[in-house]
Amino acid sequence: MSNENDIRHGRHCVFMIHVHLVFLTKGVSSRMIRKKSYPSIRKKLWGGALWSPSYFAGSCGGAPIDTIRQYIEQQQTPH
């Protein structure tokens, strides 16, 4: 990995954080819902926001940490 800040070290895993994808999805879905102007949803918005600024990323599986690390490192290599 080129930049140590690109990796988040968790209790059981190491992975790259792609927060921009989460926020992109939340932004697009919010605009689509607002475009259709659902009155029942507009009544329940908190301060005009459809989504909170937070996110959660979770994963499960039994892959060994070396396999995960190898996968991440290969993502930086052009094929």
PDB file of N, CA and C in Angstrom:
ATOM      1  N   MET A   1       0.846  -1.170   0.000  1.00  0.00           N
ATOM      2  CA  MET A   1       0.000   0.000   0.000  1.00  0.00           C
ATOM      3  C   MET A   1       0.897   1.241   0.000  1.00  0.00           C
ATOM      4  N   SER A   2       0.530   2.201  -0.787  1.00  0.00           N
ATOM      5  CA  SER A   2       1.366   3.379  -0.938  1.00  0.00           C
ATOM      6  C   SER A   2       1.244   4.346   0.231  1.00  0.00           C
ATOM      7  N   ASN A   3       0.094   4.401   0.842  1.00  0.00           N
ATOM      8  CA  ASN A   3      -0.129   5.368   1.904  1.00  0.00           C
ATOM      9  C   ASN A   3      -0.759   4.667   3.092  1.00  0.00           C
ATOM     10  N   GLU A   4      -0.088   4.691   4.212  1.00  0.00           N
ATOM     11  CA  GLU A   4      -0.575   4.003   5.411  1.00  0.00           C
ATOM     12  C   GLU A   4      -1.944   4.523   5.837  1.00  0.00           C
ATOM     13  N   ASN A   5      -2.264   5.781   5.516  1.00  0.00           N
ATOM     14  CA  ASN A   5      -3.553   6.355   5.892  1.00  0.00           C
ATOM     15  C   ASN A   5      -4.712   5.767   5.100  1.00  0.00           C
ATOM     16  N   ASP A   6      -4.423   5.051   4.012  1.00  0.00           N
ATOM     17  CA  ASP A   6      -5.471   4.437   3.207  1.00  0.00           C
ATOM     18  C   ASP A   6      -6.023   3.168   3.844  1.00  0.00           C
ATOM     19  N   ILE A   7      -5.371   2.673   4.877  1.00  0.00           N
ATOM     20  CA  ILE A   7      -5.783   1.407   5.492  1.00  0.00           C
ATOM     21  C   ILE A   7      -6.329   1.677   6.880  1.00  0.00           C
ATOM     22  N   ARG A   8      -7.394   1.032   7.183  1.00  0.00           N
ATOM     23  CA  ARG A   8      -7.948   1.099   8.529  1.00  0.00           C
ATOM     24  C   ARG A   8      -7.695  -0.241   9.191  1.00  0.00           C
ATOM     25  N   HIS A   9      -7.044  -0.227  10.322  1.00  0.00           N
ATOM     26  CA  HIS A   9      -6.740  -1.460  11.036  1.00  0.00           C
ATOM     27  C   HIS A   9      -7.848  -1.703  12.053  1.00  0.00           C
ATOM     28  N   GLY A  10      -8.616  -2.741  11.850  1.00  0.00           N
ATOM     29  CA  GLY A  10      -9.674  -3.095  12.771  1.00  0.00           C
ATOM     30  C   GLY A  10      -9.223  -4.215  13.681  1.00  0.00           C
ATOM     31  N   ARG A  11     -10.123  -4.703  14.452  1.00  0.00           N
ATOM     32  CA  ARG A  11      -9.797  -5.772  15.387  1.00  0.00           C
ATOM     33  C   ARG A  11      -9.452  -7.062  14.661  1.00  0.00           C
ATOM     34  N   HIS A  12     -10.169  -7.344  13.577  1.00  0.00           N
ATOM     35  CA  HIS A  12      -9.969  -8.608  12.879  1.00  0.00           C
ATOM     36  C   HIS A  12      -9.672  -8.446  11.395  1.00  0.00           C
ATOM     37  N   CYS A  13      -9.549  -7.231  10.912  1.00  0.00           N
ATOM     38  CA  CYS A  13      -9.380  -7.092   9.470  1.00  0.00           C
ATOM     39  C   CYS A  13      -8.608  -5.833   9.107  1.00  0.00           C
ATOM     40  N   VAL A  14      -8.158  -5.820   7.883  1.00  0.00           N
ATOM     41  CA  VAL A  14      -7.501  -4.654   7.302  1.00  0.00           C
ATOM     42  C   VAL A  14      -8.178  -4.413   5.963  1.00  0.00           C
ATOM     43  N   PHE A  15      -8.654  -3.210   5.718  1.00  0.00           N
ATOM     44  CA  PHE A  15      -9.356  -2.943   4.471  1.00  0.00           C
ATOM     45  C   PHE A  15      -9.221  -1.483   4.085  1.00  0.00           C
ATOM     46  N   MET A  16      -9.424  -1.208   2.824  1.00  0.00           N
ATOM     47  CA  MET A  16      -9.404   0.177   2.354  1.00  0.00           C
ATOM     48  C   MET A  16     -10.783   0.789   2.574  1.00  0.00           C
ATOM     49  N   ILE A  17     -10.794   2.030   2.945  1.00  0.00           N
ATOM     50  CA  ILE A  17     -12.052   2.731   3.174  1.00  0.00           C
ATOM     51  C   ILE A  17     -12.420   3.504   1.909  1.00  0.00           C
ATOM     52  N   HIS A  18     -13.575   3.212   1.370  1.00  0.00           N
ATOM     53  CA  HIS A  18     -14.068   3.922   0.197  1.00  0.00           C
ATOM     54  C   HIS A  18     -15.314   4.709   0.595  1.00  0.00           C
ATOM     55  N   VAL A  19     -15.115   5.654   1.502  1.00  0.00           N
ATOM     56  CA  VAL A  19     -16.214   6.447   2.042  1.00  0.00           C
ATOM     57  C   VAL A  19     -16.920   7.228   0.946  1.00  0.00           C
ATOM     58  N   HIS A  20     -16.171   7.668  -0.060  1.00  0.00           N
ATOM     59  CA  HIS A  20     -16.786   8.462  -1.127  1.00  0.00           C
ATOM     60  C   HIS A  20     -17.900   7.677  -1.820  1.00  0.00           C
ATOM     61  N   LEU A  21     -17.784   6.350  -1.894  1.00  0.00           N
ATOM     62  CA  LEU A  21     -18.846   5.542  -2.508  1.00  0.00           C
ATOM     63  C   LEU A  21     -20.110   5.549  -1.655  1.00  0.00           C
ATOM     64  N   VAL A  22     -19.933   5.515  -0.339  1.00  0.00           N
ATOM     65  CA  VAL A  22     -21.090   5.570   0.565  1.00  0.00           C
ATOM     66  C   VAL A  22     -21.800   6.905   0.401  1.00  0.00           C
ATOM     67  N   PHE A  23     -21.034   7.989   0.444  1.00  0.00           N
ATOM     68  CA  PHE A  23     -21.642   9.313   0.352  1.00  0.00           C
ATOM     69  C   PHE A  23     -22.228   9.576  -1.031  1.00  0.00           C
ATOM     70  N   LEU A  24     -21.606   9.053  -2.068  1.00  0.00           N
ATOM     71  CA  LEU A  24     -22.144   9.189  -3.418  1.00  0.00           C
ATOM     72  C   LEU A  24     -23.507   8.508  -3.511  1.00  0.00           C
ATOM     73  N   THR A  25     -23.604   7.295  -2.990  1.00  0.00           N
ATOM     74  CA  THR A  25     -24.868   6.552  -3.009  1.00  0.00           C
ATOM     75  C   THR A  25     -25.943   7.284  -2.215  1.00  0.00           C
ATOM     76  N   LYS A  26     -25.571   7.798  -1.045  1.00  0.00           N
ATOM     77  CA  LYS A  26     -26.538   8.523  -0.225  1.00  0.00           C
ATOM     78  C   LYS A  26     -26.994   9.806  -0.921  1.00  0.00           C
ATOM     79  N   GLY A  27     -26.066  10.502  -1.558  1.00  0.00           N
ATOM     80  CA  GLY A  27     -26.405  11.749  -2.240  1.00  0.00           C
ATOM     81  C   GLY A  27     -27.316  11.530  -3.432  1.00  0.00           C
ATOM     82  N   VAL A  28     -26.996  10.535  -4.243  1.00  0.00           N
ATOM     83  CA  VAL A  28     -27.809  10.243  -5.434  1.00  0.00           C
ATOM     84  C   VAL A  28     -29.207   9.802  -5.029  1.00  0.00           C
ATOM     85  N   SER A  29     -29.304   8.898  -4.056  1.00  0.00           N
ATOM     86  CA  SER A  29     -30.631   8.422  -3.642  1.00  0.00           C
ATOM     87  C   SER A  29     -31.449   9.562  -3.042  1.00  0.00           C
ATOM     88  N   SER A  30     -30.804  10.452  -2.300  1.00  0.00           N
ATOM     89  CA  SER A  30     -31.506  11.597  -1.724  1.00  0.00           C
ATOM     90  C   SER A  30     -32.065  12.502  -2.817  1.00  0.00           C
ATOM     91  N   ARG A  31     -31.246  12.793  -3.832  1.00  0.00           N
ATOM     92  CA  ARG A  31     -31.721  13.640  -4.938  1.00  0.00           C
ATOM     93  C   ARG A  31     -32.866  12.983  -5.696  1.00  0.00           C
ATOM     94  N   MET A  32     -32.783  11.676  -5.902  1.00  0.00           N
ATOM     95  CA  MET A  32     -33.853  10.974  -6.628  1.00  0.00           C
ATOM     96  C   MET A  32     -35.166  11.021  -5.847  1.00  0.00           C
ATOM     97  N   ILE A  33     -35.087  10.821  -4.545  1.00  0.00           N
ATOM     98  CA  ILE A  33     -36.298  10.854  -3.713  1.00  0.00           C
ATOM     99  C   ILE A  33     -36.871  12.267  -3.672  1.00  0.00           C
ATOM    100  N   ARG A  34     -36.012  13.278  -3.535  1.00  0.00           N
ATOM    101  CA  ARG A  34     -36.484  14.668  -3.514  1.00  0.00           C
ATOM    102  C   ARG A  34     -37.095  15.067  -4.854  1.00  0.00           C
ATOM    103  N   LYS A  35     -36.540  14.569  -5.944  1.00  0.00           N
ATOM    104  CA  LYS A  35     -37.051  14.892  -7.281  1.00  0.00           C
ATOM    105  C   LYS A  35     -38.483  14.404  -7.449  1.00  0.00           C
ATOM    106  N   LYS A  36     -38.794  13.251  -6.865  1.00  0.00           N
ATOM    107  CA  LYS A  36     -40.152  12.712  -6.960  1.00  0.00           C
ATOM    108  C   LYS A  36     -41.095  13.374  -5.963  1.00  0.00           C
ATOM    109  N   SER A  37     -40.540  14.111  -5.014  1.00  0.00           N
ATOM    110  CA  SER A  37     -41.317  14.901  -4.062  1.00  0.00           C
ATOM    111  C   SER A  37     -42.380  14.083  -3.323  1.00  0.00           C
ATOM    112  N   TYR A  38     -41.924  13.143  -2.518  1.00  0.00           N
ATOM    113  CA  TYR A  38     -42.838  12.360  -1.684  1.00  0.00           C
ATOM    114  C   TYR A  38     -43.198  13.180  -0.443  1.00  0.00           C
ATOM    115  N   PRO A  39     -44.445  13.647  -0.318  1.00  0.00           N
ATOM    116  CA  PRO A  39     -44.828  14.473   0.836  1.00  0.00           C
ATOM    117  C   PRO A  39     -44.652  13.754   2.170  1.00  0.00           C
ATOM    118  N   SER A  40     -44.928  12.461   2.216  1.00  0.00           N
ATOM    119  CA  SER A  40     -44.813  11.728   3.480  1.00  0.00           C
ATOM    120  C   SER A  40     -43.365  11.668   3.965  1.00  0.00           C
ATOM    121  N   ILE A  41     -42.422  11.630   3.042  1.00  0.00           N
ATOM    122  CA  ILE A  41     -41.009  11.604   3.426  1.00  0.00           C
ATOM    123  C   ILE A  41     -40.555  12.995   3.846  1.00  0.00           C
ATOM    124  N   ARG A  42     -40.981  14.019   3.119  1.00  0.00           N
ATOM    125  CA  ARG A  42     -40.573  15.391   3.445  1.00  0.00           C
ATOM    126  C   ARG A  42     -40.991  15.779   4.861  1.00  0.00           C
ATOM    127  N   LYS A  43     -42.124  15.272   5.325  1.00  0.00           N
ATOM    128  CA  LYS A  43     -42.603  15.593   6.673  1.00  0.00           C
ATOM    129  C   LYS A  43     -41.682  15.025   7.743  1.00  0.00           C
ATOM    130  N   LYS A  44     -40.970  13.950   7.436  1.00  0.00           N
ATOM    131  CA  LYS A  44     -40.150  13.271   8.437  1.00  0.00           C
ATOM    132  C   LYS A  44     -38.672  13.648   8.378  1.00  0.00           C
ATOM    133  N   LEU A  45     -38.288  14.521   7.459  1.00  0.00           N
ATOM    134  CA  LEU A  45     -36.884  14.919   7.350  1.00  0.00           C
ATOM    135  C   LEU A  45     -36.477  15.755   8.551  1.00  0.00           C
ATOM    136  N   TRP A  46     -35.269  15.511   9.035  1.00  0.00           N
ATOM    137  CA  TRP A  46     -34.735  16.262  10.162  1.00  0.00           C
ATOM    138  C   TRP A  46     -33.844  17.370   9.606  1.00  0.00           C
ATOM    139  N   GLY A  47     -34.312  18.595   9.667  1.00  0.00           N
ATOM    140  CA  GLY A  47     -33.527  19.713   9.148  1.00  0.00           C
ATOM    141  C   GLY A  47     -33.308  19.648   7.647  1.00  0.00           C
ATOM    142  N   GLY A  48     -34.206  19.005   6.925  1.00  0.00           N
ATOM    143  CA  GLY A  48     -34.091  18.909   5.482  1.00  0.00           C
ATOM    144  C   GLY A  48     -33.165  17.814   4.989  1.00  0.00           C
ATOM    145  N   ALA A  49     -32.570  17.052   5.889  1.00  0.00           N
ATOM    146  CA  ALA A  49     -31.622  16.005   5.485  1.00  0.00           C
ATOM    147  C   ALA A  49     -32.305  14.641   5.467  1.00  0.00           C
ATOM    148  N   LEU A  50     -32.085  13.903   4.393  1.00  0.00           N
ATOM    149  CA  LEU A  50     -32.643  12.557   4.294  1.00  0.00           C
ATOM    150  C   LEU A  50     -31.769  11.553   5.034  1.00  0.00           C
ATOM    151  N   TRP A  51     -30.453  11.696   4.925  1.00  0.00           N
ATOM    152  CA  TRP A  51     -29.499  10.769   5.536  1.00  0.00           C
ATOM    153  C   TRP A  51     -28.671  11.488   6.591  1.00  0.00           C
ATOM    154  N   SER A  52     -28.211  10.742   7.563  1.00  0.00           N
ATOM    155  CA  SER A  52     -27.246  11.290   8.516  1.00  0.00           C
ATOM    156  C   SER A  52     -25.871  11.285   7.843  1.00  0.00           C
ATOM    157  N   PRO A  53     -24.926  12.077   8.330  1.00  0.00           N
ATOM    158  CA  PRO A  53     -23.601  12.110   7.709  1.00  0.00           C
ATOM    159  C   PRO A  53     -22.723  10.912   8.081  1.00  0.00           C
ATOM    160  N   SER A  54     -23.250   9.981   8.841  1.00  0.00           N
ATOM    161  CA  SER A  54     -22.459   8.825   9.269  1.00  0.00           C
ATOM    162  C   SER A  54     -22.618   7.657   8.305  1.00  0.00           C
ATOM    163  N   TYR A  55     -21.828   6.621   8.511  1.00  0.00           N
ATOM    164  CA  TYR A  55     -21.921   5.413   7.698  1.00  0.00           C
ATOM    165  C   TYR A  55     -21.454   4.224   8.520  1.00  0.00           C
ATOM    166  N   PHE A  56     -21.796   3.040   8.073  1.00  0.00           N
ATOM    167  CA  PHE A  56     -21.337   1.799   8.692  1.00  0.00           C
ATOM    168  C   PHE A  56     -20.906   0.855   7.588  1.00  0.00           C
ATOM    169  N   ALA A  57     -19.775   0.247   7.754  1.00  0.00           N
ATOM    170  CA  ALA A  57     -19.306  -0.760   6.802  1.00  0.00           C
ATOM    171  C   ALA A  57     -19.026  -2.034   7.578  1.00  0.00           C
ATOM    172  N   GLY A  58     -19.591  -3.119   7.124  1.00  0.00           N
ATOM    173  CA  GLY A  58     -19.373  -4.393   7.801  1.00  0.00           C
ATOM    174  C   GLY A  58     -19.117  -5.501   6.811  1.00  0.00           C
ATOM    175  N   SER A  59     -18.479  -6.532   7.278  1.00  0.00           N
ATOM    176  CA  SER A  59     -18.164  -7.671   6.429  1.00  0.00           C
ATOM    177  C   SER A  59     -18.089  -8.914   7.298  1.00  0.00           C
ATOM    178  N   CYS A  60     -18.302 -10.044   6.680  1.00  0.00           N
ATOM    179  CA  CYS A  60     -18.142 -11.283   7.423  1.00  0.00           C
ATOM    180  C   CYS A  60     -17.491 -12.306   6.508  1.00  0.00           C
ATOM    181  N   GLY A  61     -16.931 -13.287   7.088  1.00  0.00           N
ATOM    182  CA  GLY A  61     -16.270 -14.324   6.306  1.00  0.00           C
ATOM    183  C   GLY A  61     -15.097 -14.883   7.072  1.00  0.00           C
ATOM    184  N   GLY A  62     -14.555 -15.943   6.566  1.00  0.00           N
ATOM    185  CA  GLY A  62     -13.476 -16.612   7.267  1.00  0.00           C
ATOM    186  C   GLY A  62     -12.149 -16.540   6.547  1.00  0.00           C
ATOM    187  N   ALA A  63     -11.954 -15.529   5.701  1.00  0.00           N
ATOM    188  CA  ALA A  63     -10.694 -15.429   4.966  1.00  0.00           C
ATOM    189  C   ALA A  63      -9.556 -15.071   5.916  1.00  0.00           C
ATOM    190  N   PRO A  64      -8.419 -15.741   5.783  1.00  0.00           N
ATOM    191  CA  PRO A  64      -7.258 -15.395   6.616  1.00  0.00           C
ATOM    192  C   PRO A  64      -6.764 -13.981   6.298  1.00  0.00           C
ATOM    193  N   ILE A  65      -6.186 -13.314   7.281  1.00  0.00           N
ATOM    194  CA  ILE A  65      -5.733 -11.936   7.111  1.00  0.00           C
ATOM    195  C   ILE A  65      -4.711 -11.813   5.989  1.00  0.00           C
ATOM    196  N   ASP A  66      -3.876 -12.816   5.785  1.00  0.00           N
ATOM    197  CA  ASP A  66      -2.892 -12.772   4.690  1.00  0.00           C
ATOM    198  C   ASP A  66      -3.573 -12.742   3.323  1.00  0.00           C
ATOM    199  N   THR A  67      -4.672 -13.466   3.177  1.00  0.00           N
ATOM    200  CA  THR A  67      -5.427 -13.471   1.924  1.00  0.00           C
ATOM    201  C   THR A  67      -6.041 -12.104   1.666  1.00  0.00           C
ATOM    202  N   ILE A  68      -6.589 -11.495   2.695  1.00  0.00           N
ATOM    203  CA  ILE A  68      -7.191 -10.166   2.569  1.00  0.00           C
ATOM    204  C   ILE A  68      -6.121  -9.137   2.224  1.00  0.00           C
ATOM    205  N   ARG A  69      -4.997  -9.201   2.917  1.00  0.00           N
ATOM    206  CA  ARG A  69      -3.900  -8.262   2.662  1.00  0.00           C
ATOM    207  C   ARG A  69      -3.401  -8.389   1.221  1.00  0.00           C
ATOM    208  N   GLN A  70      -3.249  -9.626   0.740  1.00  0.00           N
ATOM    209  CA  GLN A  70      -2.805  -9.864  -0.633  1.00  0.00           C
ATOM    210  C   GLN A  70      -3.811  -9.276  -1.627  1.00  0.00           C
ATOM    211  N   TYR A  71      -5.089  -9.474  -1.377  1.00  0.00           N
ATOM    212  CA  TYR A  71      -6.130  -8.922  -2.249  1.00  0.00           C
ATOM    213  C   TYR A  71      -6.027  -7.398  -2.320  1.00  0.00           C
ATOM    214  N   ILE A  72      -5.874  -6.757  -1.171  1.00  0.00           N
ATOM    215  CA  ILE A  72      -5.795  -5.296  -1.129  1.00  0.00           C
ATOM    216  C   ILE A  72      -4.567  -4.811  -1.884  1.00  0.00           C
ATOM    217  N   GLU A  73      -3.441  -5.449  -1.655  1.00  0.00           N
ATOM    218  CA  GLU A  73      -2.210  -5.031  -2.328  1.00  0.00           C
ATOM    219  C   GLU A  73      -2.310  -5.206  -3.840  1.00  0.00           C
ATOM    220  N   GLN A  74      -2.999  -6.223  -4.302  1.00  0.00           N
ATOM    221  CA  GLN A  74      -3.149  -6.453  -5.733  1.00  0.00           C
ATOM    222  C   GLN A  74      -4.070  -5.428  -6.385  1.00  0.00           C
ATOM    223  N   GLN A  75      -4.927  -4.782  -5.613  1.00  0.00           N
ATOM    224  CA  GLN A  75      -5.815  -3.768  -6.171  1.00  0.00           C
ATOM    225  C   GLN A  75      -5.035  -2.548  -6.642  1.00  0.00           C
ATOM    226  N   GLN A  76      -3.835  -2.344  -6.120  1.00  0.00           N
ATOM    227  CA  GLN A  76      -2.999  -1.211  -6.497  1.00  0.00           C
ATOM    228  C   GLN A  76      -2.148  -1.523  -7.731  1.00  0.00           C
ATOM    229  N   THR A  77      -2.156  -2.774  -8.175  1.00  0.00           N
ATOM    230  CA  THR A  77      -1.309  -3.207  -9.284  1.00  0.00           C
ATOM    231  C   THR A  77      -2.118  -3.270 -10.573  1.00  0.00           C
ATOM    232  N   PRO A  78      -1.694  -2.563 -11.622  1.00  0.00           N
ATOM    233  CA  PRO A  78      -2.407  -2.673 -12.905  1.00  0.00           C
ATOM    234  C   PRO A  78      -2.273  -4.080 -13.473  1.00  0.00           C
ATOM    235  N   HIS A  79      -3.318  -4.565 -14.102  1.00  0.00           N
ATOM    236  CA  HIS A  79      -3.290  -5.924 -14.672  1.00  0.00           C
ATOM    237  C   HIS A  79      -2.905  -5.879 -16.119  1.00  0.00           C
TER     238      HIS A  79
END
